[in-house]
Amino acid sequence: MEPSKSAGRLASLIQKAIHDHKLTQTEWNAILALADKDGHVDREEQALLRELHKLIESGAVERVP
């Protein structure tokens, strides 16, 4: 199965969070909505979400209100 068209946009949203080391609830909601927009989270999107989760767990990206 080929990556969804939203994977590139998802990567951009995640890169912003990585760049400023902060992830707001609004950004988190936008990331999840975009990943699920087509009703399927493909492998590329899963990998991006896993990487973001690892960064949050390590403290490199902070979840903020």
PDB file of N, CA and C in Angstrom:
ATOM      1  N   MET A   1       0.846  -1.176   0.000  1.00  0.00           N
ATOM      2  CA  MET A   1       0.000   0.000   0.000  1.00  0.00           C
ATOM      3  C   MET A   1       0.895   1.244   0.000  1.00  0.00           C
ATOM      4  N   GLU A   2       0.577   2.199  -0.816  1.00  0.00           N
ATOM      5  CA  GLU A   2       1.414   3.397  -0.902  1.00  0.00           C
ATOM      6  C   GLU A   2       1.023   4.408   0.168  1.00  0.00           C
ATOM      7  N   PRO A   3       1.971   5.238   0.616  1.00  0.00           N
ATOM      8  CA  PRO A   3       1.692   6.217   1.672  1.00  0.00           C
ATOM      9  C   PRO A   3       0.575   7.172   1.261  1.00  0.00           C
ATOM     10  N   SER A   4      -0.174   7.612   2.245  1.00  0.00           N
ATOM     11  CA  SER A   4      -1.265   8.536   1.977  1.00  0.00           C
ATOM     12  C   SER A   4      -0.735   9.914   1.598  1.00  0.00           C
ATOM     13  N   LYS A   5      -1.590  10.698   0.987  1.00  0.00           N
ATOM     14  CA  LYS A   5      -1.212  12.060   0.601  1.00  0.00           C
ATOM     15  C   LYS A   5      -0.996  12.945   1.827  1.00  0.00           C
ATOM     16  N   SER A   6      -1.611  12.565   2.929  1.00  0.00           N
ATOM     17  CA  SER A   6      -1.492  13.387   4.137  1.00  0.00           C
ATOM     18  C   SER A   6      -0.182  13.166   4.887  1.00  0.00           C
ATOM     19  N   ALA A   7       0.583  12.140   4.523  1.00  0.00           N
ATOM     20  CA  ALA A   7       1.821  11.843   5.251  1.00  0.00           C
ATOM     21  C   ALA A   7       2.797  13.017   5.217  1.00  0.00           C
ATOM     22  N   GLY A   8       2.913  13.695   4.101  1.00  0.00           N
ATOM     23  CA  GLY A   8       3.799  14.854   3.997  1.00  0.00           C
ATOM     24  C   GLY A   8       3.354  15.998   4.883  1.00  0.00           C
ATOM     25  N   ARG A   9       2.057  16.244   4.908  1.00  0.00           N
ATOM     26  CA  ARG A   9       1.527  17.307   5.780  1.00  0.00           C
ATOM     27  C   ARG A   9       1.698  16.927   7.240  1.00  0.00           C
ATOM     28  N   LEU A  10       1.504  15.647   7.532  1.00  0.00           N
ATOM     29  CA  LEU A  10       1.696  15.165   8.897  1.00  0.00           C
ATOM     30  C   LEU A  10       3.145  15.372   9.330  1.00  0.00           C
ATOM     31  N   ALA A  11       4.066  15.056   8.459  1.00  0.00           N
ATOM     32  CA  ALA A  11       5.489  15.254   8.760  1.00  0.00           C
ATOM     33  C   ALA A  11       5.771  16.725   9.047  1.00  0.00           C
ATOM     34  N   SER A  12       5.150  17.625   8.298  1.00  0.00           N
ATOM     35  CA  SER A  12       5.359  19.066   8.519  1.00  0.00           C
ATOM     36  C   SER A  12       4.861  19.493   9.892  1.00  0.00           C
ATOM     37  N   LEU A  13       3.691  19.009  10.291  1.00  0.00           N
ATOM     38  CA  LEU A  13       3.154  19.361  11.608  1.00  0.00           C
ATOM     39  C   LEU A  13       4.057  18.827  12.716  1.00  0.00           C
ATOM     40  N   ILE A  14       4.539  17.616  12.550  1.00  0.00           N
ATOM     41  CA  ILE A  14       5.413  17.019  13.556  1.00  0.00           C
ATOM     42  C   ILE A  14       6.755  17.746  13.593  1.00  0.00           C
ATOM     43  N   GLN A  15       7.278  18.124  12.443  1.00  0.00           N
ATOM     44  CA  GLN A  15       8.547  18.866  12.405  1.00  0.00           C
ATOM     45  C   GLN A  15       8.439  20.180  13.160  1.00  0.00           C
ATOM     46  N   LYS A  16       7.292  20.845  13.072  1.00  0.00           N
ATOM     47  CA  LYS A  16       7.098  22.097  13.805  1.00  0.00           C
ATOM     48  C   LYS A  16       7.205  21.841  15.305  1.00  0.00           C
ATOM     49  N   ALA A  17       6.574  20.784  15.780  1.00  0.00           N
ATOM     50  CA  ALA A  17       6.631  20.451  17.203  1.00  0.00           C
ATOM     51  C   ALA A  17       8.066  20.135  17.619  1.00  0.00           C
ATOM     52  N   ILE A  18       8.780  19.428  16.771  1.00  0.00           N
ATOM     53  CA  ILE A  18      10.168  19.088  17.074  1.00  0.00           C
ATOM     54  C   ILE A  18      11.023  20.351  17.097  1.00  0.00           C
ATOM     55  N   HIS A  19      10.779  21.235  16.151  1.00  0.00           N
ATOM     56  CA  HIS A  19      11.570  22.459  16.035  1.00  0.00           C
ATOM     57  C   HIS A  19      11.434  23.349  17.266  1.00  0.00           C
ATOM     58  N   ASP A  20      10.191  23.534  17.751  1.00  0.00           N
ATOM     59  CA  ASP A  20      10.017  24.430  18.905  1.00  0.00           C
ATOM     60  C   ASP A  20       9.970  23.670  20.237  1.00  0.00           C
ATOM     61  N   HIS A  21      10.132  22.342  20.188  1.00  0.00           N
ATOM     62  CA  HIS A  21      10.204  21.486  21.378  1.00  0.00           C
ATOM     63  C   HIS A  21       8.936  21.523  22.217  1.00  0.00           C
ATOM     64  N   LYS A  22       7.832  21.953  21.614  1.00  0.00           N
ATOM     65  CA  LYS A  22       6.561  22.017  22.328  1.00  0.00           C
ATOM     66  C   LYS A  22       5.452  21.489  21.427  1.00  0.00           C
ATOM     67  N   LEU A  23       4.486  20.817  22.046  1.00  0.00           N
ATOM     68  CA  LEU A  23       3.340  20.298  21.323  1.00  0.00           C
ATOM     69  C   LEU A  23       2.093  20.680  22.099  1.00  0.00           C
ATOM     70  N   THR A  24       1.309  21.570  21.534  1.00  0.00           N
ATOM     71  CA  THR A  24       0.077  21.989  22.193  1.00  0.00           C
ATOM     72  C   THR A  24      -1.019  20.963  21.951  1.00  0.00           C
ATOM     73  N   GLN A  25      -2.062  21.057  22.750  1.00  0.00           N
ATOM     74  CA  GLN A  25      -3.202  20.153  22.569  1.00  0.00           C
ATOM     75  C   GLN A  25      -3.827  20.370  21.196  1.00  0.00           C
ATOM     76  N   THR A  26      -3.868  21.616  20.738  1.00  0.00           N
ATOM     77  CA  THR A  26      -4.415  21.922  19.416  1.00  0.00           C
ATOM     78  C   THR A  26      -3.579  21.260  18.327  1.00  0.00           C
ATOM     79  N   GLU A  27      -2.256  21.346  18.449  1.00  0.00           N
ATOM     80  CA  GLU A  27      -1.375  20.703  17.469  1.00  0.00           C
ATOM     81  C   GLU A  27      -1.550  19.183  17.508  1.00  0.00           C
ATOM     82  N   TRP A  28      -1.628  18.619  18.716  1.00  0.00           N
ATOM     83  CA  TRP A  28      -1.810  17.179  18.879  1.00  0.00           C
ATOM     84  C   TRP A  28      -3.107  16.730  18.198  1.00  0.00           C
ATOM     85  N   ASN A  29      -4.187  17.479  18.447  1.00  0.00           N
ATOM     86  CA  ASN A  29      -5.472  17.148  17.827  1.00  0.00           C
ATOM     87  C   ASN A  29      -5.390  17.229  16.308  1.00  0.00           C
ATOM     88  N   ALA A  30      -4.694  18.237  15.790  1.00  0.00           N
ATOM     89  CA  ALA A  30      -4.540  18.390  14.337  1.00  0.00           C
ATOM     90  C   ALA A  30      -3.740  17.235  13.748  1.00  0.00           C
ATOM     91  N   ILE A  31      -2.698  16.812  14.452  1.00  0.00           N
ATOM     92  CA  ILE A  31      -1.869  15.692  13.988  1.00  0.00           C
ATOM     93  C   ILE A  31      -2.698  14.421  13.925  1.00  0.00           C
ATOM     94  N   LEU A  32      -3.440  14.139  14.983  1.00  0.00           N
ATOM     95  CA  LEU A  32      -4.262  12.926  15.005  1.00  0.00           C
ATOM     96  C   LEU A  32      -5.367  12.967  13.951  1.00  0.00           C
ATOM     97  N   ALA A  33      -5.990  14.119  13.794  1.00  0.00           N
ATOM     98  CA  ALA A  33      -7.055  14.252  12.797  1.00  0.00           C
ATOM     99  C   ALA A  33      -6.512  14.060  11.387  1.00  0.00           C
ATOM    100  N   LEU A  34      -5.359  14.623  11.116  1.00  0.00           N
ATOM    101  CA  LEU A  34      -4.764  14.488   9.793  1.00  0.00           C
ATOM    102  C   LEU A  34      -4.350  13.043   9.523  1.00  0.00           C
ATOM    103  N   ALA A  35      -3.786  12.381  10.528  1.00  0.00           N
ATOM    104  CA  ALA A  35      -3.375  10.985  10.358  1.00  0.00           C
ATOM    105  C   ALA A  35      -4.576  10.092  10.046  1.00  0.00           C
ATOM    106  N   ASP A  36      -5.720  10.414  10.613  1.00  0.00           N
ATOM    107  CA  ASP A  36      -6.904   9.576  10.440  1.00  0.00           C
ATOM    108  C   ASP A  36      -7.879  10.117   9.398  1.00  0.00           C
ATOM    109  N   LYS A  37      -7.508  11.177   8.729  1.00  0.00           N
ATOM    110  CA  LYS A  37      -8.413  11.852   7.792  1.00  0.00           C
ATOM    111  C   LYS A  37      -8.971  10.914   6.720  1.00  0.00           C
ATOM    112  N   ASP A  38      -8.130  10.044   6.200  1.00  0.00           N
ATOM    113  CA  ASP A  38      -8.577   9.137   5.144  1.00  0.00           C
ATOM    114  C   ASP A  38      -9.095   7.809   5.703  1.00  0.00           C
ATOM    115  N   GLY A  39      -9.201   7.711   7.022  1.00  0.00           N
ATOM    116  CA  GLY A  39      -9.720   6.508   7.644  1.00  0.00           C
ATOM    117  C   GLY A  39      -8.702   5.389   7.799  1.00  0.00           C
ATOM    118  N   HIS A  40      -7.459   5.670   7.445  1.00  0.00           N
ATOM    119  CA  HIS A  40      -6.400   4.658   7.539  1.00  0.00           C
ATOM    120  C   HIS A  40      -5.080   5.330   7.894  1.00  0.00           C
ATOM    121  N   VAL A  41      -4.450   4.851   8.936  1.00  0.00           N
ATOM    122  CA  VAL A  41      -3.128   5.342   9.312  1.00  0.00           C
ATOM    123  C   VAL A  41      -2.111   4.397   8.672  1.00  0.00           C
ATOM    124  N   ASP A  42      -1.449   4.866   7.614  1.00  0.00           N
ATOM    125  CA  ASP A  42      -0.522   3.998   6.882  1.00  0.00           C
ATOM    126  C   ASP A  42       0.807   3.861   7.616  1.00  0.00           C
ATOM    127  N   ARG A  43       1.687   3.051   7.084  1.00  0.00           N
ATOM    128  CA  ARG A  43       2.974   2.769   7.751  1.00  0.00           C
ATOM    129  C   ARG A  43       3.817   4.012   7.952  1.00  0.00           C
ATOM    130  N   GLU A  44       3.856   4.880   6.948  1.00  0.00           N
ATOM    131  CA  GLU A  44       4.653   6.098   7.082  1.00  0.00           C
ATOM    132  C   GLU A  44       4.096   6.983   8.198  1.00  0.00           C
ATOM    133  N   GLU A  45       2.779   7.123   8.236  1.00  0.00           N
ATOM    134  CA  GLU A  45       2.148   7.918   9.295  1.00  0.00           C
ATOM    135  C   GLU A  45       2.397   7.277  10.661  1.00  0.00           C
ATOM    136  N   GLN A  46       2.305   5.957  10.739  1.00  0.00           N
ATOM    137  CA  GLN A  46       2.574   5.263  12.000  1.00  0.00           C
ATOM    138  C   GLN A  46       4.005   5.532  12.473  1.00  0.00           C
ATOM    139  N   ALA A  47       4.943   5.486  11.557  1.00  0.00           N
ATOM    140  CA  ALA A  47       6.342   5.733  11.913  1.00  0.00           C
ATOM    141  C   ALA A  47       6.528   7.165  12.430  1.00  0.00           C
ATOM    142  N   LEU A  48       5.884   8.108  11.781  1.00  0.00           N
ATOM    143  CA  LEU A  48       5.979   9.508  12.220  1.00  0.00           C
ATOM    144  C   LEU A  48       5.382   9.675  13.609  1.00  0.00           C
ATOM    145  N   LEU A  49       4.241   9.064  13.853  1.00  0.00           N
ATOM    146  CA  LEU A  49       3.593   9.167  15.158  1.00  0.00           C
ATOM    147  C   LEU A  49       4.425   8.473  16.241  1.00  0.00           C
ATOM    148  N   ARG A  50       5.025   7.341  15.904  1.00  0.00           N
ATOM    149  CA  ARG A  50       5.898   6.643  16.863  1.00  0.00           C
ATOM    150  C   ARG A  50       7.093   7.522  17.240  1.00  0.00           C
ATOM    151  N   GLU A  51       7.690   8.143  16.239  1.00  0.00           N
ATOM    152  CA  GLU A  51       8.850   9.000  16.496  1.00  0.00           C
ATOM    153  C   GLU A  51       8.463  10.179  17.390  1.00  0.00           C
ATOM    154  N   LEU A  52       7.324  10.788  17.109  1.00  0.00           N
ATOM    155  CA  LEU A  52       6.863  11.896  17.947  1.00  0.00           C
ATOM    156  C   LEU A  52       6.633  11.414  19.372  1.00  0.00           C
ATOM    157  N   HIS A  53       6.020  10.259  19.515  1.00  0.00           N
ATOM    158  CA  HIS A  53       5.767   9.704  20.846  1.00  0.00           C
ATOM    159  C   HIS A  53       7.077   9.477  21.602  1.00  0.00           C
ATOM    160  N   LYS A  54       8.085   8.960  20.927  1.00  0.00           N
ATOM    161  CA  LYS A  54       9.400   8.747  21.553  1.00  0.00           C
ATOM    162  C   LYS A  54      10.002  10.071  22.020  1.00  0.00           C
ATOM    163  N   LEU A  55       9.847  11.102  21.203  1.00  0.00           N
ATOM    164  CA  LEU A  55      10.381  12.419  21.567  1.00  0.00           C
ATOM    165  C   LEU A  55       9.657  12.992  22.776  1.00  0.00           C
ATOM    166  N   ILE A  56       8.363  12.757  22.858  1.00  0.00           N
ATOM    167  CA  ILE A  56       7.591  13.218  24.015  1.00  0.00           C
ATOM    168  C   ILE A  56       8.037  12.455  25.260  1.00  0.00           C
ATOM    169  N   GLU A  57       8.166  11.137  25.142  1.00  0.00           N
ATOM    170  CA  GLU A  57       8.589  10.321  26.286  1.00  0.00           C
ATOM    171  C   GLU A  57       9.980  10.694  26.786  1.00  0.00           C
ATOM    172  N   SER A  58      10.867  11.040  25.862  1.00  0.00           N
ATOM    173  CA  SER A  58      12.247  11.379  26.249  1.00  0.00           C
ATOM    174  C   SER A  58      12.353  12.798  26.807  1.00  0.00           C
ATOM    175  N   GLY A  59      11.310  13.603  26.610  1.00  0.00           N
ATOM    176  CA  GLY A  59      11.351  14.981  27.066  1.00  0.00           C
ATOM    177  C   GLY A  59      11.873  15.961  26.043  1.00  0.00           C
ATOM    178  N   ALA A  60      12.245  15.470  24.870  1.00  0.00           N
ATOM    179  CA  ALA A  60      12.749  16.350  23.812  1.00  0.00           C
ATOM    180  C   ALA A  60      11.648  17.256  23.273  1.00  0.00           C
ATOM    181  N   VAL A  61      10.416  16.765  23.339  1.00  0.00           N
ATOM    182  CA  VAL A  61       9.236  17.565  22.971  1.00  0.00           C
ATOM    183  C   VAL A  61       8.299  17.523  24.172  1.00  0.00           C
ATOM    184  N   GLU A  62       7.862  18.693  24.584  1.00  0.00           N
ATOM    185  CA  GLU A  62       6.998  18.809  25.765  1.00  0.00           C
ATOM    186  C   GLU A  62       5.556  19.035  25.341  1.00  0.00           C
ATOM    187  N   ARG A  63       4.643  18.262  25.941  1.00  0.00           N
ATOM    188  CA  ARG A  63       3.205  18.489  25.724  1.00  0.00           C
ATOM    189  C   ARG A  63       2.800  19.664  26.601  1.00  0.00           C
ATOM    190  N   VAL A  64       2.201  20.673  26.022  1.00  0.00           N
ATOM    191  CA  VAL A  64       1.750  21.849  26.762  1.00  0.00           C
ATOM    192  C   VAL A  64       0.273  22.085  26.454  1.00  0.00           C
ATOM    193  N   PRO A  65      -0.413  22.796  27.356  1.00  0.00           N
ATOM    194  CA  PRO A  65      -1.846  23.062  27.134  1.00  0.00           C
ATOM    195  C   PRO A  65      -2.114  23.913  25.904  1.00  0.00           C
TER     196      PRO A  65
END
